[in-house]
Amino acid sequence: MYSIGFVESARKEFRQLSDDDQRRVIAVLERIRVRPHSFTLRLSGSRAYRLRVGRLRVIADIIEEKQEIIVLKIGNRESVYLP
């Protein structure tokens, strides 16, 4: 089973979500811990993966060697892909 971590900026974005959105993100992250590639799509031109949580997107790096999922960014679909 993969462990889940957050970069500091993603942790701040997570805290700014509503309680309902936080619960939904946690539920989806818990679900993908077993087989992360079954629920994610790789972003073109990047090592990162995208995960849909309703109107939100979670951008994460999956590190196979360490069996870690590192959340890089959380946000609305319209803004999460912007640099």
N, C-alpha and C. Protein backbone atom coordinates (compact mmCIF):
# COMPACT_ATOMS: atom_id res chain seq x y z
N MET A 1 0.84 -1.17 0.00
CA MET A 1 0.00 0.00 0.00
C MET A 1 0.89 1.25 0.00
N TYR A 2 0.53 2.23 -0.78
CA TYR A 2 1.31 3.46 -0.91
C TYR A 2 1.03 4.40 0.27
N SER A 3 2.07 5.13 0.67
CA SER A 3 1.86 6.18 1.68
C SER A 3 1.54 7.48 0.94
N ILE A 4 0.91 8.41 1.64
CA ILE A 4 0.49 9.67 1.03
C ILE A 4 1.12 10.82 1.79
N GLY A 5 1.72 11.75 1.03
CA GLY A 5 2.32 12.94 1.62
C GLY A 5 1.90 14.17 0.83
N PHE A 6 2.11 15.32 1.42
CA PHE A 6 1.74 16.60 0.79
C PHE A 6 2.96 17.52 0.79
N VAL A 7 3.17 18.25 -0.30
CA VAL A 7 4.11 19.36 -0.25
C VAL A 7 3.40 20.48 0.50
N GLU A 8 4.16 21.41 1.05
CA GLU A 8 3.57 22.44 1.92
C GLU A 8 2.49 23.26 1.20
N SER A 9 2.72 23.63 -0.05
CA SER A 9 1.73 24.44 -0.77
C SER A 9 0.42 23.66 -0.96
N ALA A 10 0.50 22.36 -1.21
CA ALA A 10 -0.71 21.55 -1.35
C ALA A 10 -1.42 21.41 -0.01
N ARG A 11 -0.66 21.35 1.06
CA ARG A 11 -1.27 21.28 2.40
C ARG A 11 -2.09 22.55 2.68
N LYS A 12 -1.55 23.70 2.28
CA LYS A 12 -2.27 24.97 2.46
C LYS A 12 -3.53 24.99 1.61
N GLU A 13 -3.41 24.53 0.36
CA GLU A 13 -4.59 24.47 -0.52
C GLU A 13 -5.65 23.54 0.06
N PHE A 14 -5.21 22.43 0.64
CA PHE A 14 -6.15 21.48 1.25
C PHE A 14 -6.89 22.12 2.42
N ARG A 15 -6.17 22.85 3.26
CA ARG A 15 -6.80 23.50 4.43
C ARG A 15 -7.82 24.56 4.02
N GLN A 16 -7.67 25.14 2.84
CA GLN A 16 -8.59 26.18 2.38
C GLN A 16 -9.87 25.60 1.79
N LEU A 17 -9.91 24.31 1.57
CA LEU A 17 -11.12 23.67 1.03
C LEU A 17 -12.21 23.62 2.09
N SER A 18 -13.44 23.51 1.65
CA SER A 18 -14.55 23.33 2.59
C SER A 18 -14.39 21.96 3.27
N ASP A 19 -15.05 21.79 4.40
CA ASP A 19 -14.97 20.51 5.12
C ASP A 19 -15.44 19.36 4.24
N ASP A 20 -16.50 19.59 3.48
CA ASP A 20 -17.03 18.56 2.59
C ASP A 20 -16.00 18.17 1.53
N ASP A 21 -15.37 19.18 0.91
CA ASP A 21 -14.35 18.90 -0.11
C ASP A 21 -13.14 18.19 0.50
N GLN A 22 -12.76 18.57 1.72
CA GLN A 22 -11.64 17.90 2.39
C GLN A 22 -11.95 16.42 2.59
N ARG A 23 -13.15 16.12 3.04
CA ARG A 23 -13.54 14.72 3.24
C ARG A 23 -13.52 13.94 1.92
N ARG A 24 -13.99 14.57 0.85
CA ARG A 24 -14.00 13.90 -0.45
C ARG A 24 -12.58 13.63 -0.96
N VAL A 25 -11.69 14.60 -0.79
CA VAL A 25 -10.30 14.42 -1.21
C VAL A 25 -9.66 13.29 -0.41
N ILE A 26 -9.85 13.28 0.90
CA ILE A 26 -9.28 12.23 1.74
C ILE A 26 -9.82 10.86 1.33
N ALA A 27 -11.12 10.77 1.07
CA ALA A 27 -11.72 9.49 0.69
C ALA A 27 -11.12 8.97 -0.62
N VAL A 28 -10.93 9.85 -1.58
CA VAL A 28 -10.36 9.42 -2.86
C VAL A 28 -8.89 9.04 -2.70
N LEU A 29 -8.14 9.81 -1.92
CA LEU A 29 -6.73 9.47 -1.69
C LEU A 29 -6.59 8.12 -1.00
N GLU A 30 -7.46 7.84 -0.06
CA GLU A 30 -7.43 6.54 0.61
C GLU A 30 -7.73 5.41 -0.37
N ARG A 31 -8.65 5.66 -1.29
CA ARG A 31 -9.03 4.64 -2.27
C ARG A 31 -7.88 4.32 -3.23
N ILE A 32 -7.10 5.32 -3.63
CA ILE A 32 -6.05 5.08 -4.62
C ILE A 32 -4.77 4.51 -4.01
N ARG A 33 -4.69 4.43 -2.70
CA ARG A 33 -3.46 3.94 -2.06
C ARG A 33 -3.08 2.53 -2.50
N VAL A 34 -4.05 1.71 -2.83
CA VAL A 34 -3.77 0.32 -3.19
C VAL A 34 -3.25 0.21 -4.63
N ARG A 35 -3.95 0.86 -5.57
CA ARG A 35 -3.57 0.80 -6.99
C ARG A 35 -3.68 2.20 -7.59
N PRO A 36 -2.71 3.06 -7.37
CA PRO A 36 -2.84 4.45 -7.81
C PRO A 36 -2.98 4.63 -9.32
N HIS A 37 -2.38 3.77 -10.11
CA HIS A 37 -2.43 3.95 -11.56
C HIS A 37 -3.80 3.60 -12.15
N SER A 38 -4.62 2.93 -11.38
CA SER A 38 -5.97 2.59 -11.86
C SER A 38 -6.91 3.79 -11.83
N PHE A 39 -6.59 4.79 -11.03
CA PHE A 39 -7.49 5.92 -10.83
C PHE A 39 -6.92 7.25 -11.30
N THR A 40 -5.70 7.25 -11.83
CA THR A 40 -5.05 8.50 -12.20
C THR A 40 -4.71 8.51 -13.69
N LEU A 41 -4.50 9.71 -14.21
CA LEU A 41 -4.04 9.89 -15.58
C LEU A 41 -2.75 10.70 -15.55
N ARG A 42 -1.77 10.29 -16.32
CA ARG A 42 -0.51 11.02 -16.38
C ARG A 42 -0.71 12.31 -17.18
N LEU A 43 -0.16 13.41 -16.68
CA LEU A 43 -0.23 14.67 -17.40
C LEU A 43 0.80 14.65 -18.52
N SER A 44 0.43 15.10 -19.68
CA SER A 44 1.35 15.08 -20.81
C SER A 44 2.52 16.02 -20.55
N GLY A 45 3.72 15.55 -20.85
CA GLY A 45 4.93 16.34 -20.67
C GLY A 45 5.34 16.51 -19.23
N SER A 46 4.89 15.64 -18.35
CA SER A 46 5.17 15.78 -16.92
C SER A 46 5.27 14.41 -16.27
N ARG A 47 5.91 14.37 -15.10
CA ARG A 47 5.93 13.14 -14.30
C ARG A 47 4.69 13.02 -13.44
N ALA A 48 3.94 14.10 -13.33
CA ALA A 48 2.80 14.16 -12.41
C ALA A 48 1.57 13.47 -12.99
N TYR A 49 0.66 13.16 -12.08
CA TYR A 49 -0.60 12.51 -12.43
C TYR A 49 -1.77 13.37 -11.96
N ARG A 50 -2.91 13.20 -12.63
CA ARG A 50 -4.13 13.94 -12.30
C ARG A 50 -5.15 12.98 -11.71
N LEU A 51 -5.83 13.47 -10.70
CA LEU A 51 -6.89 12.69 -10.06
C LEU A 51 -8.11 13.59 -9.93
N ARG A 52 -9.25 13.13 -10.42
CA ARG A 52 -10.50 13.90 -10.34
C ARG A 52 -11.19 13.64 -9.02
N VAL A 53 -11.62 14.73 -8.39
CA VAL A 53 -12.45 14.65 -7.18
C VAL A 53 -13.60 15.63 -7.40
N GLY A 54 -14.60 15.22 -8.17
CA GLY A 54 -15.68 16.12 -8.53
C GLY A 54 -15.16 17.26 -9.37
N ARG A 55 -15.41 18.49 -8.94
CA ARG A 55 -14.93 19.67 -9.67
C ARG A 55 -13.48 19.99 -9.36
N LEU A 56 -12.91 19.31 -8.38
CA LEU A 56 -11.52 19.53 -7.98
C LEU A 56 -10.59 18.58 -8.72
N ARG A 57 -9.33 19.00 -8.82
CA ARG A 57 -8.29 18.14 -9.36
C ARG A 57 -7.15 18.07 -8.34
N VAL A 58 -6.61 16.88 -8.19
CA VAL A 58 -5.45 16.67 -7.34
C VAL A 58 -4.31 16.29 -8.27
N ILE A 59 -3.22 17.04 -8.21
CA ILE A 59 -2.03 16.75 -9.01
C ILE A 59 -1.03 16.10 -8.06
N ALA A 60 -0.54 14.94 -8.43
CA ALA A 60 0.35 14.19 -7.54
C ALA A 60 1.47 13.52 -8.31
N ASP A 61 2.54 13.24 -7.59
CA ASP A 61 3.66 12.48 -8.13
C ASP A 61 3.61 11.10 -7.49
N ILE A 62 3.70 10.06 -8.29
CA ILE A 62 3.69 8.69 -7.77
C ILE A 62 5.11 8.16 -7.87
N ILE A 63 5.69 7.86 -6.72
CA ILE A 63 7.07 7.38 -6.66
C ILE A 63 7.03 5.88 -6.40
N GLU A 64 7.25 5.12 -7.45
CA GLU A 64 7.14 3.66 -7.38
C GLU A 64 8.15 3.05 -6.40
N GLU A 65 9.41 3.50 -6.47
CA GLU A 65 10.47 2.89 -5.67
C GLU A 65 10.18 2.97 -4.17
N LYS A 66 9.58 4.07 -3.74
CA LYS A 66 9.28 4.28 -2.32
C LYS A 66 7.83 3.98 -1.99
N GLN A 67 7.05 3.65 -3.00
CA GLN A 67 5.61 3.45 -2.85
C GLN A 67 4.98 4.63 -2.12
N GLU A 68 5.19 5.82 -2.69
CA GLU A 68 4.65 7.07 -2.14
C GLU A 68 3.82 7.80 -3.19
N ILE A 69 2.81 8.47 -2.71
CA ILE A 69 2.03 9.39 -3.52
C ILE A 69 2.21 10.76 -2.86
N ILE A 70 2.81 11.70 -3.59
CA ILE A 70 3.06 13.03 -3.06
C ILE A 70 2.10 14.00 -3.75
N VAL A 71 1.21 14.61 -2.97
CA VAL A 71 0.25 15.57 -3.52
C VAL A 71 0.98 16.88 -3.74
N LEU A 72 0.95 17.36 -4.99
CA LEU A 72 1.66 18.58 -5.37
C LEU A 72 0.75 19.80 -5.40
N LYS A 73 -0.50 19.59 -5.78
CA LYS A 73 -1.41 20.73 -5.95
C LYS A 73 -2.85 20.24 -5.87
N ILE A 74 -3.71 21.08 -5.30
CA ILE A 74 -5.15 20.79 -5.24
C ILE A 74 -5.88 22.07 -5.62
N GLY A 75 -6.84 21.96 -6.52
CA GLY A 75 -7.59 23.15 -6.88
C GLY A 75 -8.69 22.85 -7.88
N ASN A 76 -9.39 23.92 -8.25
CA ASN A 76 -10.44 23.81 -9.25
C ASN A 76 -9.84 23.47 -10.60
N ARG A 77 -10.61 22.82 -11.40
CA ARG A 77 -10.17 22.41 -12.73
C ARG A 77 -9.66 23.60 -13.54
N GLU A 78 -10.29 24.74 -13.38
CA GLU A 78 -9.94 25.92 -14.18
C GLU A 78 -8.57 26.48 -13.83
N SER A 79 -8.12 26.30 -12.59
CA SER A 79 -6.89 26.96 -12.16
C SER A 79 -5.74 26.03 -11.79
N VAL A 80 -6.01 24.77 -11.58
CA VAL A 80 -4.98 23.88 -11.05
C VAL A 80 -3.85 23.62 -12.04
N TYR A 81 -4.10 23.72 -13.32
CA TYR A 81 -3.08 23.43 -14.32
C TYR A 81 -2.21 24.64 -14.65
N LEU A 82 -2.57 25.81 -14.15
CA LEU A 82 -1.78 27.02 -14.42
C LEU A 82 -0.51 27.01 -13.58
N PRO A 83 0.59 27.54 -14.12
CA PRO A 83 1.86 27.55 -13.35
C PRO A 83 1.83 28.43 -12.13
